[in-house]
Protein backbone atom coordinates (compact mmCIF):
# COMPACT_ATOMS: atom_id res chain seq x y z
CA MET A 1 -1.08 37.19 -10.08
CA ASN A 2 1.82 34.83 -10.56
CA VAL A 3 4.38 34.74 -7.45
CA ALA A 4 6.52 32.57 -8.84
CA PRO A 5 10.58 33.42 -8.36
CA GLY A 6 11.22 35.66 -11.50
CA LYS A 7 14.63 37.82 -12.59
CA GLU A 8 12.31 40.65 -12.75
CA ASN A 9 11.77 40.32 -9.24
CA GLU A 10 15.67 39.81 -8.29
CA ARG A 11 16.63 43.25 -8.19
CA MET A 12 13.58 44.88 -5.76
CA ASN A 13 14.10 46.01 -2.73
CA PHE A 14 12.20 44.15 0.22
CA GLU A 15 9.73 47.79 -0.05
CA ASN A 16 9.00 46.85 -3.31
CA ARG A 17 8.33 43.99 -2.93
CA ILE A 18 5.72 44.79 -0.25
CA GLN A 19 4.14 47.27 -2.67
CA LYS A 20 4.04 44.76 -5.80
CA PHE A 21 2.30 41.99 -3.62
CA ASN A 22 0.27 44.08 -1.84
CA SER A 23 -2.93 42.64 -2.91
CA LEU A 24 -1.96 38.95 -1.41
CA LEU A 25 -0.87 39.89 2.46
CA THR A 26 -3.18 38.93 5.27
CA GLU A 27 -3.16 40.63 8.69
CA ASN A 28 -0.46 38.11 9.89
CA ASP A 29 1.75 39.35 6.89
CA ARG A 30 1.44 42.67 7.77
CA LYS A 31 2.38 41.89 11.42
CA ILE A 32 5.77 40.47 10.04
CA ILE A 33 5.97 43.57 7.89
CA LYS A 34 5.43 46.16 11.06
CA TYR A 35 8.24 44.33 13.42
CA LEU A 36 11.13 43.73 10.08
CA LEU A 37 10.56 47.77 9.34
CA ALA A 38 10.99 48.53 12.46
CA ASN A 39 13.41 45.79 13.44
CA LYS A 40 15.56 45.98 9.89
CA ASP A 41 19.00 47.40 11.49
CA THR A 42 19.17 43.59 13.68
CA ILE A 43 17.51 41.83 11.37
CA LEU A 44 20.51 40.34 9.96
CA ASN A 45 21.38 38.62 13.64
CA LYS A 46 18.31 37.32 14.25
CA THR A 47 17.37 33.53 13.53
CA ILE A 48 13.62 32.55 12.21
CA VAL A 49 13.02 30.98 15.65
CA ASP A 50 13.87 34.63 17.09
CA LEU A 51 11.32 36.74 14.71
CA SER A 52 8.35 34.19 15.22
CA GLU A 53 9.09 34.57 19.34
CA ALA A 54 8.79 38.48 18.85
CA ILE A 55 6.12 38.88 16.33
CA HIS A 56 4.02 35.96 17.94
CA VAL A 57 3.84 33.83 14.51
CA SER A 58 4.68 30.85 13.76
CA PRO A 59 7.87 29.86 11.51
CA ALA A 60 5.79 28.11 9.09
CA SER A 61 4.19 31.86 8.78
CA ILE A 62 7.40 33.49 8.72
CA THR A 63 8.57 31.39 5.26
CA ARG A 64 5.01 31.41 3.41
CA PHE A 65 5.87 35.51 3.91
CA CYS A 66 9.06 34.95 2.79
CA LYS A 67 7.91 33.29 -0.89
CA LYS A 68 5.24 35.27 -0.53
CA VAL A 69 7.07 38.32 -1.61
CA ASP A 70 9.08 36.05 -4.39
CA PHE A 71 11.75 35.51 -1.78
CA ASN A 72 13.99 31.96 -2.00
CA SER A 73 14.15 31.46 1.77
CA PHE A 74 14.33 33.70 4.90
CA GLN A 75 18.21 34.30 5.00
CA GLU A 76 17.48 36.04 1.67
CA MET A 77 15.16 38.20 3.08
CA LYS A 78 17.00 39.15 5.67
CA PHE A 79 19.82 39.99 3.27
CA HIS A 80 17.40 42.11 1.45
CA LEU A 81 16.41 44.07 4.58
CA GLY A 82 19.48 44.00 6.85
CA GLY A 83 21.76 44.08 4.22
CA ARG A 84 21.17 47.43 2.10
CA PRO A 85 22.24 50.67 2.24
CA THR A 86 21.17 53.13 4.25
CA GLU A 87 19.76 55.41 1.69
CA LEU A 88 16.85 56.65 4.00
CA ASN A 89 18.95 57.56 6.95
CA LYS A 90 17.58 61.44 7.90
CA ALA A 91 20.48 64.27 7.57
CA ASP A 92 20.47 67.52 9.89
CA ASP A 93 20.83 69.02 6.32
CA THR A 94 17.30 70.03 4.75
CA LEU A 95 18.85 68.69 1.50
CA ASP A 96 20.89 66.48 2.19
CA THR A 97 17.58 64.88 3.26
CA ILE A 98 15.13 65.80 0.48
CA TYR A 99 18.37 64.49 -2.14
CA ASN A 100 18.45 60.96 -0.40
CA TYR A 101 14.69 60.67 -0.64
CA TYR A 102 14.72 61.73 -4.56
CA GLN A 103 17.18 59.33 -5.04
CA SER A 104 15.76 56.10 -3.05
CA ILE A 105 12.53 56.93 -5.17
CA ILE A 106 13.91 57.18 -8.14
CA LYS A 107 15.90 54.05 -7.48
CA SER A 108 12.99 52.43 -6.61
CA THR A 109 11.20 53.12 -9.00
CA GLN A 110 13.55 51.88 -11.77
CA GLN A 111 13.28 48.95 -9.77
CA PHE A 112 9.21 48.40 -11.27
CA ILE A 113 10.13 49.27 -14.43
CA SER A 114 12.16 47.62 -18.13
CA GLU A 115 13.39 49.07 -20.89
CA GLU A 116 10.93 46.59 -22.79
CA GLN A 117 8.14 48.12 -21.03
CA THR A 118 8.79 51.47 -22.01
CA THR A 119 9.69 50.92 -25.98
CA ARG A 120 6.17 48.46 -25.83
CA ILE A 121 4.40 51.48 -24.18
CA VAL A 122 6.49 53.89 -27.08
CA SER A 123 5.50 52.05 -29.24
CA LEU A 124 1.14 52.22 -28.52
CA ILE A 125 2.00 56.17 -28.21
CA LEU A 126 3.69 56.22 -32.08
CA ASN A 127 1.20 54.15 -33.71
CA ALA A 128 -2.28 56.30 -31.17
CA LYS A 129 -4.54 58.28 -33.22
CA LYS A 130 -4.68 60.32 -30.74
CA VAL A 131 -3.54 59.69 -27.04
CA VAL A 132 -5.79 60.28 -23.61
CA PHE A 133 -3.96 61.33 -20.64
CA CYS A 134 -6.49 60.74 -17.26
CA GLY A 135 -6.21 61.32 -13.49
CA ILE A 136 -8.31 62.57 -10.66
CA GLY A 137 -5.84 65.43 -7.96
CA ASN A 138 -2.75 64.49 -7.92
CA SER A 139 -2.72 61.75 -10.74
CA GLY A 140 -4.64 64.80 -12.37
CA LEU A 141 -1.22 67.33 -12.13
CA ILE A 142 0.86 64.25 -14.10
CA ALA A 143 -1.82 63.67 -16.67
CA ASN A 144 -1.56 67.14 -17.55
CA GLU A 145 2.55 67.36 -17.23
CA PHE A 146 2.60 63.66 -19.34
CA ASN A 147 0.48 65.64 -22.22
CA SER A 148 1.75 69.14 -22.22
CA ARG A 149 5.18 67.67 -22.89
CA ILE A 150 3.70 65.30 -25.61
CA GLU A 151 1.03 67.46 -27.26
CA ARG A 152 4.87 69.35 -28.16
CA MET A 153 6.15 66.83 -30.28
CA GLY A 154 3.13 67.15 -32.26
CA ILE A 155 0.73 64.12 -31.44
CA ASN A 156 -2.45 64.65 -31.15
CA SER A 157 -3.38 64.32 -26.97
CA ASN A 158 -5.39 65.49 -24.08
CA SER A 159 -5.64 65.25 -20.38
CA ILE A 160 -8.82 64.59 -18.79
CA THR A 161 -9.20 65.73 -14.79
CA ASP A 162 -12.92 66.24 -14.69
CA THR A 163 -15.49 63.47 -12.81
CA HIS A 164 -17.55 63.79 -15.76
CA ALA A 165 -15.79 64.73 -19.11
CA MET A 166 -13.55 61.86 -18.60
CA LEU A 167 -16.29 59.21 -19.16
CA MET A 168 -17.70 61.47 -21.75
CA LYS A 169 -14.49 61.66 -23.47
CA THR A 170 -13.49 58.28 -22.61
CA SER A 171 -16.70 56.72 -24.47
CA LEU A 172 -15.56 58.24 -27.19
CA LEU A 173 -12.15 56.59 -28.19
CA GLY A 174 -11.99 54.18 -30.58
CA GLU A 175 -9.74 51.39 -31.41
CA SER A 176 -7.15 53.37 -33.00
CA ASP A 177 -6.44 55.99 -29.95
CA LEU A 178 -4.78 54.98 -26.75
CA LEU A 179 -6.08 55.49 -22.64
CA ILE A 180 -2.95 56.33 -20.27
CA CYS A 181 -4.56 56.17 -16.22
CA PHE A 182 -3.26 57.30 -13.38
CA SER A 183 -3.68 56.38 -10.38
CA ASN A 184 -1.91 55.71 -7.16
CA THR A 185 -3.50 53.06 -5.34
CA GLY A 186 -5.89 51.98 -7.80
CA LYS A 187 -8.77 52.38 -6.51
CA THR A 188 -9.83 55.95 -7.66
CA LYS A 189 -14.00 55.83 -9.32
CA SER A 190 -14.37 57.47 -12.50
CA VAL A 191 -10.48 55.78 -13.65
CA ILE A 192 -11.63 52.77 -13.21
CA ASP A 193 -14.99 53.54 -14.87
CA SER A 194 -13.24 55.11 -17.45
CA ALA A 195 -10.44 52.09 -17.78
CA LYS A 196 -13.81 49.83 -18.34
CA LEU A 197 -15.26 51.98 -20.93
CA ALA A 198 -11.94 51.53 -22.82
CA GLN A 199 -11.51 48.02 -22.74
CA GLU A 200 -15.44 47.46 -23.71
CA ASN A 201 -14.69 50.31 -26.64
CA HIS A 202 -10.81 47.87 -27.32
CA VAL A 203 -9.20 50.61 -26.75
CA PRO A 204 -5.30 49.80 -25.96
CA THR A 205 -4.87 51.46 -22.31
CA VAL A 206 -1.66 51.92 -19.60
CA VAL A 207 -2.87 52.21 -16.22
CA VAL A 208 0.75 53.97 -14.02
CA THR A 209 -0.21 52.99 -10.06
CA ASN A 210 1.42 51.97 -6.92
CA TYR A 211 -0.47 48.41 -6.61
CA ASP A 212 -0.72 45.83 -8.92
CA ASP A 213 -4.21 43.62 -9.15
CA THR A 214 -6.64 46.12 -8.35
CA LEU A 215 -9.81 46.83 -10.13
CA LEU A 216 -8.09 49.23 -12.45
CA THR A 217 -5.37 47.19 -13.20
CA LYS A 218 -7.86 44.50 -14.00
CA PHE A 219 -8.78 46.52 -17.57
CA ALA A 220 -5.27 47.37 -18.39
CA ASN A 221 -3.52 46.20 -21.39
CA GLU A 222 0.06 47.58 -19.62
CA VAL A 223 0.07 48.21 -16.32
CA VAL A 224 3.38 50.46 -15.08
CA LEU A 225 4.11 50.19 -11.32
CA ILE A 226 5.99 52.48 -9.72
CA SER A 227 7.81 53.27 -5.71
CA SER A 228 4.75 54.78 -3.76
CA TYR A 229 6.50 57.83 -1.35
CA LYS A 230 4.74 56.48 1.79
CA TYR A 231 7.40 53.74 2.21
CA ILE A 232 9.54 56.97 3.37
CA ASP A 233 9.11 57.47 7.37
CA ASP A 234 8.81 60.58 7.68
CA GLU A 235 5.31 62.53 7.64
CA LYS A 236 6.71 65.58 6.39
CA PHE A 237 8.28 64.72 3.17
CA VAL A 238 4.77 63.45 0.39
CA ASN A 239 5.48 64.05 -2.64
CA SER A 240 3.97 61.80 -4.68
CA GLN A 241 4.75 62.97 -8.27
CA LEU A 242 8.16 62.43 -8.74
CA PRO A 243 7.95 58.77 -9.49
CA GLY A 244 5.25 59.12 -12.52
CA LEU A 245 7.70 62.36 -13.29
CA PHE A 246 10.86 59.78 -14.03
CA PHE A 247 8.15 57.52 -15.60
CA LEU A 248 7.42 60.97 -18.04
CA ASP A 249 11.25 61.30 -18.58
CA LEU A 250 11.99 57.88 -19.25
CA LEU A 251 9.35 57.40 -22.27
CA ILE A 252 9.94 61.33 -23.63
CA TYR A 253 13.91 60.47 -23.93
CA LYS A 254 12.41 57.40 -26.02
CA LEU A 255 10.05 59.61 -27.78
CA LEU A 256 12.72 62.30 -28.68
CA SER A 257 14.87 59.03 -30.09
CA ASN A 258 12.51 60.06 -32.99
CA ASP A 259 13.46 61.99 -36.13
CA LYS A 260 9.68 63.35 -36.10
CA LEU A 261 9.31 64.51 -33.12
CA MET A 262 12.07 65.56 -32.46
CA ILE A 263 11.77 68.30 -35.31
CA ASN A 264 8.57 68.87 -34.17
CA TYR A 265 9.63 69.55 -30.62
CA GLN A 266 11.70 72.18 -31.83
CA LYS A 267 9.71 74.07 -33.80
CA THR A 268 7.57 74.51 -30.78
CA LEU A 269 10.11 75.01 -28.38
CA LYS A 270 11.56 77.77 -30.43
CA ALA A 271 7.52 79.37 -31.31
CA ILE A 272 7.76 79.22 -27.72
CA ASN A 273 11.23 81.37 -27.18
CA GLU A 274 10.52 83.90 -29.99
CA HIS A 275 7.35 84.94 -28.59
CA SER A 276 7.43 85.00 -25.10
């Protein structure tokens, strides 16, 4: 993976950079991250020497870490970590707390996804003979929701959340089809096996995940990174589906710009309203 500084990472917050470059991080890096996240309110007042002494690593280790997660300098890293709004501060009111969490997750996911990439994926969907969504567990729920929305537009689609069915149906896909895989960790074996089968059959494959540079992403034509809820420091908040639904809404909005799909959607909506 290319880690040279690039415009695509300039707007990413600290947590997103850690998520994106996760596969490159060493144990030393993780010590640095743990300290930084625990002391982000005071980080602006510290020098690199102060940090190295507090964490028990060398200043050079901190500099290498900054470069690894695509900051140009230690000072830039401090600004991103210590200068950002405290949107994750827990409010006394539960409604405000959850609202703040949602806002933070959506903003974080927005930093990963580009207009150009969503346009490319919409094009893949429009040109596919059949679209298959696959995922297990919570990712399976997202796969089902994607399928439910897509098929209302008259697109030939299917969602698979069973391990054996996933392998069987993926093996029957061809070059004119499209496979969209969901796995937050990128480690779900059946999803990896399905993506590998798709690659062997030259099936275009989109992977929606939290982490780049995993075994799953090696079999993808497009990798869509979405934010992980685990960076919200609250064990009571366990929503892993919101980032995926945000991505879904982006795609649906673009797809419904197609006149034929909009007409189909209105037809199916009318049928449901008249017979329910």
